[in-house]
PDB file of all heavy atoms in Angstrom:
ATOM      1  N   SER A   1      -3.390   8.623 -18.797  1.00  0.00           N
ATOM      2  CA  SER A   1      -4.000   7.307 -18.989  1.00  0.00           C
ATOM      3  C   SER A   1      -3.890   6.440 -17.743  1.00  0.00           C
ATOM      4  O   SER A   1      -4.266   5.264 -17.767  1.00  0.00           O
ATOM      5  CB  SER A   1      -3.322   6.580 -20.155  1.00  0.00           C
ATOM      6  OG  SER A   1      -3.484   7.313 -21.343  1.00  0.00           O
ATOM      7  N   GLY A   2      -3.328   6.999 -16.664  1.00  0.00           N
ATOM      8  CA  GLY A   2      -3.152   6.228 -15.435  1.00  0.00           C
ATOM      9  C   GLY A   2      -1.946   5.315 -15.468  1.00  0.00           C
ATOM     10  O   GLY A   2      -1.734   4.512 -14.576  1.00  0.00           O
ATOM     11  N   ARG A   3      -1.113   5.465 -16.475  1.00  0.00           N
ATOM     12  CA  ARG A   3       0.072   4.613 -16.617  1.00  0.00           C
ATOM     13  C   ARG A   3       1.280   5.241 -15.931  1.00  0.00           C
ATOM     14  O   ARG A   3       1.372   6.456 -15.812  1.00  0.00           O
ATOM     15  CB  ARG A   3       0.391   4.391 -18.089  1.00  0.00           C
ATOM     16  CG  ARG A   3      -0.686   3.626 -18.797  1.00  0.00           C
ATOM     17  CD  ARG A   3      -0.394   3.548 -20.284  1.00  0.00           C
ATOM     18  NE  ARG A   3      -1.536   3.028 -20.986  1.00  0.00           N
ATOM     19  CZ  ARG A   3      -1.581   1.823 -21.524  1.00  0.00           C
ATOM     20  NH1 ARG A   3      -0.531   1.026 -21.466  1.00  0.00           N
ATOM     21  NH2 ARG A   3      -2.663   1.412 -22.142  1.00  0.00           N
ATOM     22  N   PHE A   4       2.192   4.369 -15.532  1.00  0.00           N
ATOM     23  CA  PHE A   4       3.413   4.819 -14.875  1.00  0.00           C
ATOM     24  C   PHE A   4       4.505   3.798 -15.115  1.00  0.00           C
ATOM     25  O   PHE A   4       4.227   2.660 -15.498  1.00  0.00           O
ATOM     26  CB  PHE A   4       3.196   5.011 -13.365  1.00  0.00           C
ATOM     27  CG  PHE A   4       2.814   3.741 -12.661  1.00  0.00           C
ATOM     28  CD1 PHE A   4       3.776   2.942 -12.067  1.00  0.00           C
ATOM     29  CD2 PHE A   4       1.496   3.338 -12.608  1.00  0.00           C
ATOM     30  CE1 PHE A   4       3.428   1.760 -11.428  1.00  0.00           C
ATOM     31  CE2 PHE A   4       1.135   2.169 -11.960  1.00  0.00           C
ATOM     32  CZ  PHE A   4       2.103   1.369 -11.371  1.00  0.00           C
ATOM     33  N   VAL A   5       5.743   4.205 -14.882  1.00  0.00           N
ATOM     34  CA  VAL A   5       6.890   3.307 -15.009  1.00  0.00           C
ATOM     35  C   VAL A   5       7.707   3.411 -13.740  1.00  0.00           C
ATOM     36  O   VAL A   5       8.022   4.503 -13.269  1.00  0.00           O
ATOM     37  CB  VAL A   5       7.768   3.688 -16.230  1.00  0.00           C
ATOM     38  CG1 VAL A   5       9.021   2.832 -16.278  1.00  0.00           C
ATOM     39  CG2 VAL A   5       6.972   3.571 -17.518  1.00  0.00           C
ATOM     40  N   LEU A   6       8.042   2.257 -13.181  1.00  0.00           N
ATOM     41  CA  LEU A   6       8.940   2.166 -12.027  1.00  0.00           C
ATOM     42  C   LEU A   6      10.089   1.255 -12.442  1.00  0.00           C
ATOM     43  O   LEU A   6      10.009   0.040 -12.310  1.00  0.00           O
ATOM     44  CB  LEU A   6       8.217   1.575 -10.809  1.00  0.00           C
ATOM     45  CG  LEU A   6       7.197   2.458 -10.127  1.00  0.00           C
ATOM     46  CD1 LEU A   6       6.361   1.656  -9.142  1.00  0.00           C
ATOM     47  CD2 LEU A   6       7.882   3.600  -9.404  1.00  0.00           C
ATOM     48  N   PRO A   7      11.174   1.822 -12.983  1.00  0.00           N
ATOM     49  CA  PRO A   7      12.275   0.982 -13.445  1.00  0.00           C
ATOM     50  C   PRO A   7      13.093   0.404 -12.294  1.00  0.00           C
ATOM     51  O   PRO A   7      13.146   0.971 -11.208  1.00  0.00           O
ATOM     52  CB  PRO A   7      13.117   1.945 -14.282  1.00  0.00           C
ATOM     53  CG  PRO A   7      12.817   3.294 -13.746  1.00  0.00           C
ATOM     54  CD  PRO A   7      11.401   3.237 -13.230  1.00  0.00           C
ATOM     55  N   ASP A   8      13.704  -0.734 -12.576  1.00  0.00           N
ATOM     56  CA  ASP A   8      14.662  -1.370 -11.657  1.00  0.00           C
ATOM     57  C   ASP A   8      14.083  -1.678 -10.283  1.00  0.00           C
ATOM     58  O   ASP A   8      14.765  -1.535  -9.265  1.00  0.00           O
ATOM     59  CB  ASP A   8      15.918  -0.501 -11.517  1.00  0.00           C
ATOM     60  CG  ASP A   8      16.592  -0.250 -12.855  1.00  0.00           C
ATOM     61  OD1 ASP A   8      16.637  -1.194 -13.673  1.00  0.00           O
ATOM     62  OD2 ASP A   8      17.049   0.878 -13.091  1.00  0.00           O
ATOM     63  N   VAL A   9      12.838  -2.135 -10.242  1.00  0.00           N
ATOM     64  CA  VAL A   9      12.255  -2.575  -8.971  1.00  0.00           C
ATOM     65  C   VAL A   9      12.895  -3.914  -8.614  1.00  0.00           C
ATOM     66  O   VAL A   9      12.968  -4.813  -9.456  1.00  0.00           O
ATOM     67  CB  VAL A   9      10.716  -2.721  -9.083  1.00  0.00           C
ATOM     68  CG1 VAL A   9      10.129  -3.294  -7.807  1.00  0.00           C
ATOM     69  CG2 VAL A   9      10.088  -1.369  -9.416  1.00  0.00           C
ATOM     70  N   PRO A  10      13.369  -4.054  -7.379  1.00  0.00           N
ATOM     71  CA  PRO A  10      14.013  -5.310  -6.999  1.00  0.00           C
ATOM     72  C   PRO A  10      13.056  -6.495  -7.120  1.00  0.00           C
ATOM     73  O   PRO A  10      11.878  -6.379  -6.775  1.00  0.00           O
ATOM     74  CB  PRO A  10      14.396  -5.085  -5.527  1.00  0.00           C
ATOM     75  CG  PRO A  10      14.409  -3.601  -5.347  1.00  0.00           C
ATOM     76  CD  PRO A  10      13.385  -3.070  -6.301  1.00  0.00           C
ATOM     77  N   PRO A  11      13.558  -7.632  -7.649  1.00  0.00           N
ATOM     78  CA  PRO A  11      12.708  -8.826  -7.741  1.00  0.00           C
ATOM     79  C   PRO A  11      12.257  -9.273  -6.357  1.00  0.00           C
ATOM     80  O   PRO A  11      12.907  -9.006  -5.349  1.00  0.00           O
ATOM     81  CB  PRO A  11      13.631  -9.875  -8.364  1.00  0.00           C
ATOM     82  CG  PRO A  11      14.743  -9.106  -8.993  1.00  0.00           C
ATOM     83  CD  PRO A  11      14.890  -7.857  -8.189  1.00  0.00           C
ATOM     84  N   GLY A  12      11.127  -9.958  -6.331  1.00  0.00           N
ATOM     85  CA  GLY A  12      10.582 -10.477  -5.078  1.00  0.00           C
ATOM     86  C   GLY A  12       9.263  -9.808  -4.733  1.00  0.00           C
ATOM     87  O   GLY A  12       8.688  -9.062  -5.518  1.00  0.00           O
ATOM     88  N   ARG A  13       8.805 -10.070  -3.546  1.00  0.00           N
ATOM     89  CA  ARG A  13       7.525  -9.528  -3.067  1.00  0.00           C
ATOM     90  C   ARG A  13       7.706  -8.058  -2.693  1.00  0.00           C
ATOM     91  O   ARG A  13       8.563  -7.733  -1.872  1.00  0.00           O
ATOM     92  CB  ARG A  13       7.085 -10.350  -1.862  1.00  0.00           C
ATOM     93  CG  ARG A  13       5.675 -10.192  -1.482  1.00  0.00           C
ATOM     94  CD  ARG A  13       5.370 -11.190  -0.347  1.00  0.00           C
ATOM     95  NE  ARG A  13       3.988 -11.145  -0.043  1.00  0.00           N
ATOM     96  CZ  ARG A  13       3.111 -12.064  -0.402  1.00  0.00           C
ATOM     97  NH1 ARG A  13       3.525 -13.132  -1.055  1.00  0.00           N
ATOM     98  NH2 ARG A  13       1.852 -11.928  -0.102  1.00  0.00           N
ATOM     99  N   GLN A  14       6.905  -7.188  -3.311  1.00  0.00           N
ATOM    100  CA  GLN A  14       7.006  -5.745  -3.078  1.00  0.00           C
ATOM    101  C   GLN A  14       5.633  -5.173  -2.743  1.00  0.00           C
ATOM    102  O   GLN A  14       4.617  -5.651  -3.237  1.00  0.00           O
ATOM    103  CB  GLN A  14       7.547  -5.026  -4.318  1.00  0.00           C
ATOM    104  CG  GLN A  14       8.902  -5.486  -4.775  1.00  0.00           C
ATOM    105  CD  GLN A  14      10.010  -5.129  -3.809  1.00  0.00           C
ATOM    106  OE1 GLN A  14       9.881  -4.260  -2.969  1.00  0.00           O
ATOM    107  NE2 GLN A  14      11.128  -5.828  -3.922  1.00  0.00           N
ATOM    108  N   VAL A  15       5.632  -4.147  -1.911  1.00  0.00           N
ATOM    109  CA  VAL A  15       4.401  -3.421  -1.595  1.00  0.00           C
ATOM    110  C   VAL A  15       4.394  -2.150  -2.435  1.00  0.00           C
ATOM    111  O   VAL A  15       5.319  -1.341  -2.357  1.00  0.00           O
ATOM    112  CB  VAL A  15       4.314  -3.070  -0.094  1.00  0.00           C
ATOM    113  CG1 VAL A  15       3.076  -2.235   0.190  1.00  0.00           C
ATOM    114  CG2 VAL A  15       4.303  -4.340   0.748  1.00  0.00           C
ATOM    115  N   ILE A  16       3.362  -2.004  -3.257  1.00  0.00           N
ATOM    116  CA  ILE A  16       3.197  -0.822  -4.095  1.00  0.00           C
ATOM    117  C   ILE A  16       2.134   0.061  -3.445  1.00  0.00           C
ATOM    118  O   ILE A  16       1.038  -0.409  -3.125  1.00  0.00           O
ATOM    119  CB  ILE A  16       2.742  -1.208  -5.523  1.00  0.00           C
ATOM    120  CG1 ILE A  16       3.689  -2.236  -6.141  1.00  0.00           C
ATOM    121  CG2 ILE A  16       2.599   0.030  -6.393  1.00  0.00           C
ATOM    122  CD1 ILE A  16       5.110  -1.767  -6.311  1.00  0.00           C
ATOM    123  N   ARG A  17       2.459   1.325  -3.244  1.00  0.00           N
ATOM    124  CA  ARG A  17       1.523   2.282  -2.638  1.00  0.00           C
ATOM    125  C   ARG A  17       1.106   3.298  -3.695  1.00  0.00           C
ATOM    126  O   ARG A  17       1.948   3.819  -4.427  1.00  0.00           O
ATOM    127  CB  ARG A  17       2.168   2.985  -1.453  1.00  0.00           C
ATOM    128  CG  ARG A  17       2.430   2.038  -0.310  1.00  0.00           C
ATOM    129  CD  ARG A  17       2.949   2.749   0.898  1.00  0.00           C
ATOM    130  NE  ARG A  17       3.112   1.780   1.979  1.00  0.00           N
ATOM    131  CZ  ARG A  17       4.078   1.808   2.867  1.00  0.00           C
ATOM    132  NH1 ARG A  17       4.979   2.776   2.837  1.00  0.00           N
ATOM    133  NH2 ARG A  17       4.148   0.886   3.802  1.00  0.00           N
ATOM    134  N   VAL A  18      -0.192   3.570  -3.735  1.00  0.00           N
ATOM    135  CA  VAL A  18      -0.751   4.505  -4.710  1.00  0.00           C
ATOM    136  C   VAL A  18      -1.621   5.519  -3.970  1.00  0.00           C
ATOM    137  O   VAL A  18      -2.484   5.140  -3.178  1.00  0.00           O
ATOM    138  CB  VAL A  18      -1.616   3.769  -5.757  1.00  0.00           C
ATOM    139  CG1 VAL A  18      -2.147   4.747  -6.796  1.00  0.00           C
ATOM    140  CG2 VAL A  18      -0.836   2.638  -6.409  1.00  0.00           C
ATOM    141  N   LYS A  19      -1.381   6.806  -4.261  1.00  0.00           N
ATOM    142  CA  LYS A  19      -2.184   7.872  -3.659  1.00  0.00           C
ATOM    143  C   LYS A  19      -2.531   8.857  -4.751  1.00  0.00           C
ATOM    144  O   LYS A  19      -1.663   9.537  -5.292  1.00  0.00           O
ATOM    145  CB  LYS A  19      -1.407   8.568  -2.531  1.00  0.00           C
ATOM    146  CG  LYS A  19      -2.140   9.745  -1.913  1.00  0.00           C
ATOM    147  CD  LYS A  19      -3.357   9.302  -1.117  1.00  0.00           C
ATOM    148  CE  LYS A  19      -3.966  10.427  -0.317  1.00  0.00           C
ATOM    149  NZ  LYS A  19      -5.106  11.071  -0.907  1.00  0.00           N
ATOM    150  N   GLY A  20      -3.812   8.890  -5.110  1.00  0.00           N
ATOM    151  CA  GLY A  20      -4.280   9.811  -6.138  1.00  0.00           C
ATOM    152  C   GLY A  20      -4.898  11.042  -5.519  1.00  0.00           C
ATOM    153  O   GLY A  20      -5.381  11.000  -4.379  1.00  0.00           O
ATOM    154  N   PRO A  21      -4.910  12.146  -6.249  1.00  0.00           N
ATOM    155  CA  PRO A  21      -5.526  13.371  -5.732  1.00  0.00           C
ATOM    156  C   PRO A  21      -7.010  13.134  -5.441  1.00  0.00           C
ATOM    157  O   PRO A  21      -7.756  12.715  -6.315  1.00  0.00           O
ATOM    158  CB  PRO A  21      -5.322  14.395  -6.857  1.00  0.00           C
ATOM    159  CG  PRO A  21      -4.828  13.640  -8.034  1.00  0.00           C
ATOM    160  CD  PRO A  21      -4.415  12.291  -7.606  1.00  0.00           C
ATOM    161  N   GLY A  22      -7.400  13.340  -4.200  1.00  0.00           N
ATOM    162  CA  GLY A  22      -8.787  13.130  -3.800  1.00  0.00           C
ATOM    163  C   GLY A  22      -9.129  11.697  -3.445  1.00  0.00           C
ATOM    164  O   GLY A  22     -10.285  11.386  -3.171  1.00  0.00           O
ATOM    165  N   TYR A  23      -8.140  10.797  -3.448  1.00  0.00           N
ATOM    166  CA  TYR A  23      -8.354   9.386  -3.133  1.00  0.00           C
ATOM    167  C   TYR A  23      -7.544   9.011  -1.893  1.00  0.00           C
ATOM    168  O   TYR A  23      -6.539   9.630  -1.583  1.00  0.00           O
ATOM    169  CB  TYR A  23      -7.903   8.489  -4.292  1.00  0.00           C
ATOM    170  CG  TYR A  23      -8.744   8.644  -5.530  1.00  0.00           C
ATOM    171  CD1 TYR A  23      -8.440   9.614  -6.475  1.00  0.00           C
ATOM    172  CD2 TYR A  23      -9.842   7.824  -5.749  1.00  0.00           C
ATOM    173  CE1 TYR A  23      -9.207   9.761  -7.616  1.00  0.00           C
ATOM    174  CE2 TYR A  23     -10.611   7.963  -6.885  1.00  0.00           C
ATOM    175  CZ  TYR A  23     -10.286   8.931  -7.817  1.00  0.00           C
ATOM    176  OH  TYR A  23     -11.046   9.079  -8.940  1.00  0.00           O
ATOM    177  N   ARG A  24      -7.969   7.954  -1.242  1.00  0.00           N
ATOM    178  CA  ARG A  24      -7.221   7.466  -0.083  1.00  0.00           C
ATOM    179  C   ARG A  24      -6.048   6.594  -0.552  1.00  0.00           C
ATOM    180  O   ARG A  24      -6.042   6.108  -1.683  1.00  0.00           O
ATOM    181  CB  ARG A  24      -8.116   6.693   0.872  1.00  0.00           C
ATOM    182  CG  ARG A  24      -8.704   5.434   0.294  1.00  0.00           C
ATOM    183  CD  ARG A  24      -9.587   4.702   1.314  1.00  0.00           C
ATOM    184  NE  ARG A  24     -10.331   3.639   0.692  1.00  0.00           N
ATOM    185  CZ  ARG A  24      -9.839   2.450   0.377  1.00  0.00           C
ATOM    186  NH1 ARG A  24      -8.582   2.173   0.621  1.00  0.00           N
ATOM    187  NH2 ARG A  24     -10.594   1.539  -0.198  1.00  0.00           N
ATOM    188  N   LEU A  25      -5.078   6.421   0.301  1.00  0.00           N
ATOM    189  CA  LEU A  25      -3.918   5.588   0.005  1.00  0.00           C
ATOM    190  C   LEU A  25      -4.362   4.143  -0.207  1.00  0.00           C
ATOM    191  O   LEU A  25      -5.175   3.614   0.558  1.00  0.00           O
ATOM    192  CB  LEU A  25      -2.916   5.651   1.158  1.00  0.00           C
ATOM    193  CG  LEU A  25      -1.687   4.769   1.042  1.00  0.00           C
ATOM    194  CD1 LEU A  25      -0.775   5.279  -0.062  1.00  0.00           C
ATOM    195  CD2 LEU A  25      -0.961   4.708   2.356  1.00  0.00           C
ATOM    196  N   ALA A  26      -3.832   3.512  -1.233  1.00  0.00           N
ATOM    197  CA  ALA A  26      -4.102   2.102  -1.502  1.00  0.00           C
ATOM    198  C   ALA A  26      -2.780   1.366  -1.582  1.00  0.00           C
ATOM    199  O   ALA A  26      -1.772   1.930  -2.021  1.00  0.00           O
ATOM    200  CB  ALA A  26      -4.869   1.944  -2.809  1.00  0.00           C
ATOM    201  N   GLU A  27      -2.771   0.126  -1.143  1.00  0.00           N
ATOM    202  CA  GLU A  27      -1.566  -0.708  -1.213  1.00  0.00           C
ATOM    203  C   GLU A  27      -1.892  -2.023  -1.893  1.00  0.00           C
ATOM    204  O   GLU A  27      -2.969  -2.576  -1.694  1.00  0.00           O
ATOM    205  CB  GLU A  27      -1.018  -1.008   0.186  1.00  0.00           C
ATOM    206  CG  GLU A  27      -0.427   0.177   0.882  1.00  0.00           C
ATOM    207  CD  GLU A  27       0.257  -0.191   2.199  1.00  0.00           C
ATOM    208  OE1 GLU A  27       0.125  -1.347   2.665  1.00  0.00           O
ATOM    209  OE2 GLU A  27       0.919   0.677   2.759  1.00  0.00           O
ATOM    210  N   ARG A  28      -0.947  -2.508  -2.678  1.00  0.00           N
ATOM    211  CA  ARG A  28      -1.054  -3.808  -3.313  1.00  0.00           C
ATOM    212  C   ARG A  28       0.278  -4.514  -3.159  1.00  0.00           C
ATOM    213  O   ARG A  28       1.331  -3.902  -3.316  1.00  0.00           O
ATOM    214  CB  ARG A  28      -1.373  -3.687  -4.812  1.00  0.00           C
ATOM    215  CG  ARG A  28      -2.714  -3.073  -5.127  1.00  0.00           C
ATOM    216  CD  ARG A  28      -3.859  -3.990  -4.708  1.00  0.00           C
ATOM    217  NE  ARG A  28      -5.141  -3.433  -5.029  1.00  0.00           N
ATOM    218  CZ  ARG A  28      -5.862  -2.662  -4.215  1.00  0.00           C
ATOM    219  NH1 ARG A  28      -5.390  -2.329  -3.035  1.00  0.00           N
ATOM    220  NH2 ARG A  28      -7.050  -2.222  -4.576  1.00  0.00           N
ATOM    221  N   VAL A  29       0.216  -5.799  -2.851  1.00  0.00           N
ATOM    222  CA  VAL A  29       1.427  -6.616  -2.783  1.00  0.00           C
ATOM    223  C   VAL A  29       1.557  -7.309  -4.134  1.00  0.00           C
ATOM    224  O   VAL A  29       0.597  -7.911  -4.631  1.00  0.00           O
ATOM    225  CB  VAL A  29       1.340  -7.650  -1.646  1.00  0.00           C
ATOM    226  CG1 VAL A  29       2.573  -8.548  -1.655  1.00  0.00           C
ATOM    227  CG2 VAL A  29       1.188  -6.959  -0.307  1.00  0.00           C
ATOM    228  N   VAL A  30       2.726  -7.172  -4.753  1.00  0.00           N
ATOM    229  CA  VAL A  30       2.979  -7.794  -6.051  1.00  0.00           C
ATOM    230  C   VAL A  30       4.264  -8.598  -6.001  1.00  0.00           C
ATOM    231  O   VAL A  30       5.187  -8.283  -5.247  1.00  0.00           O
ATOM    232  CB  VAL A  30       3.055  -6.748  -7.189  1.00  0.00           C
ATOM    233  CG1 VAL A  30       1.738  -6.025  -7.362  1.00  0.00           C
ATOM    234  CG2 VAL A  30       4.164  -5.763  -6.956  1.00  0.00           C
ATOM    235  N   GLU A  31       4.314  -9.641  -6.794  1.00  0.00           N
ATOM    236  CA  GLU A  31       5.523 -10.444  -6.947  1.00  0.00           C
ATOM    237  C   GLU A  31       6.222  -9.945  -8.199  1.00  0.00           C
ATOM    238  O   GLU A  31       5.675 -10.024  -9.302  1.00  0.00           O
ATOM    239  CB  GLU A  31       5.169 -11.923  -7.084  1.00  0.00           C
ATOM    240  CG  GLU A  31       6.350 -12.847  -7.031  1.00  0.00           C
ATOM    241  CD  GLU A  31       7.048 -12.868  -5.668  1.00  0.00           C
ATOM    242  OE1 GLU A  31       6.373 -12.756  -4.629  1.00  0.00           O
ATOM    243  OE2 GLU A  31       8.288 -13.000  -5.660  1.00  0.00           O
ATOM    244  N   VAL A  32       7.408  -9.375  -8.025  1.00  0.00           N
ATOM    245  CA  VAL A  32       8.155  -8.786  -9.135  1.00  0.00           C
ATOM    246  C   VAL A  32       9.155  -9.807  -9.660  1.00  0.00           C
ATOM    247  O   VAL A  32       9.915 -10.397  -8.896  1.00  0.00           O
ATOM    248  CB  VAL A  32       8.897  -7.504  -8.675  1.00  0.00           C
ATOM    249  CG1 VAL A  32       9.743  -6.944  -9.808  1.00  0.00           C
ATOM    250  CG2 VAL A  32       7.900  -6.479  -8.164  1.00  0.00           C
ATOM    251  N   THR A  33       9.125  -9.980 -10.985  1.00  0.00           N
ATOM    252  CA  THR A  33      10.079 -10.844 -11.667  1.00  0.00           C
ATOM    253  C   THR A  33      10.959  -9.959 -12.535  1.00  0.00           C
ATOM    254  O   THR A  33      10.454  -9.078 -13.240  1.00  0.00           O
ATOM    255  CB  THR A  33       9.336 -11.870 -12.546  1.00  0.00           C
ATOM    256  OG1 THR A  33       8.425 -12.607 -11.728  1.00  0.00           O
ATOM    257  CG2 THR A  33      10.294 -12.818 -13.219  1.00  0.00           C
ATOM    258  N   ALA A  34      12.267 -10.181 -12.491  1.00  0.00           N
ATOM    259  CA  ALA A  34      13.208  -9.368 -13.268  1.00  0.00           C
ATOM    260  C   ALA A  34      12.811  -9.350 -14.737  1.00  0.00           C
ATOM    261  O   ALA A  34      12.497 -10.387 -15.316  1.00  0.00           O
ATOM    262  CB  ALA A  34      14.619  -9.901 -13.109  1.00  0.00           C
ATOM    263  N   GLY A  35      12.761  -8.144 -15.328  1.00  0.00           N
ATOM    264  CA  GLY A  35      12.459  -7.992 -16.740  1.00  0.00           C
ATOM    265  C   GLY A  35      10.988  -8.103 -17.090  1.00  0.00           C
ATOM    266  O   GLY A  35      10.618  -8.045 -18.252  1.00  0.00           O
TER     267      GLY A  35
END
């Protein structure tokens, strides 16, 4: 379903990188809040 879990990501601004089979690398900056 395209879902994933990344537990215990440190709070704050994080760069998330995604690379799918046959796709180019994509990056998104997200603001992580605890919980």
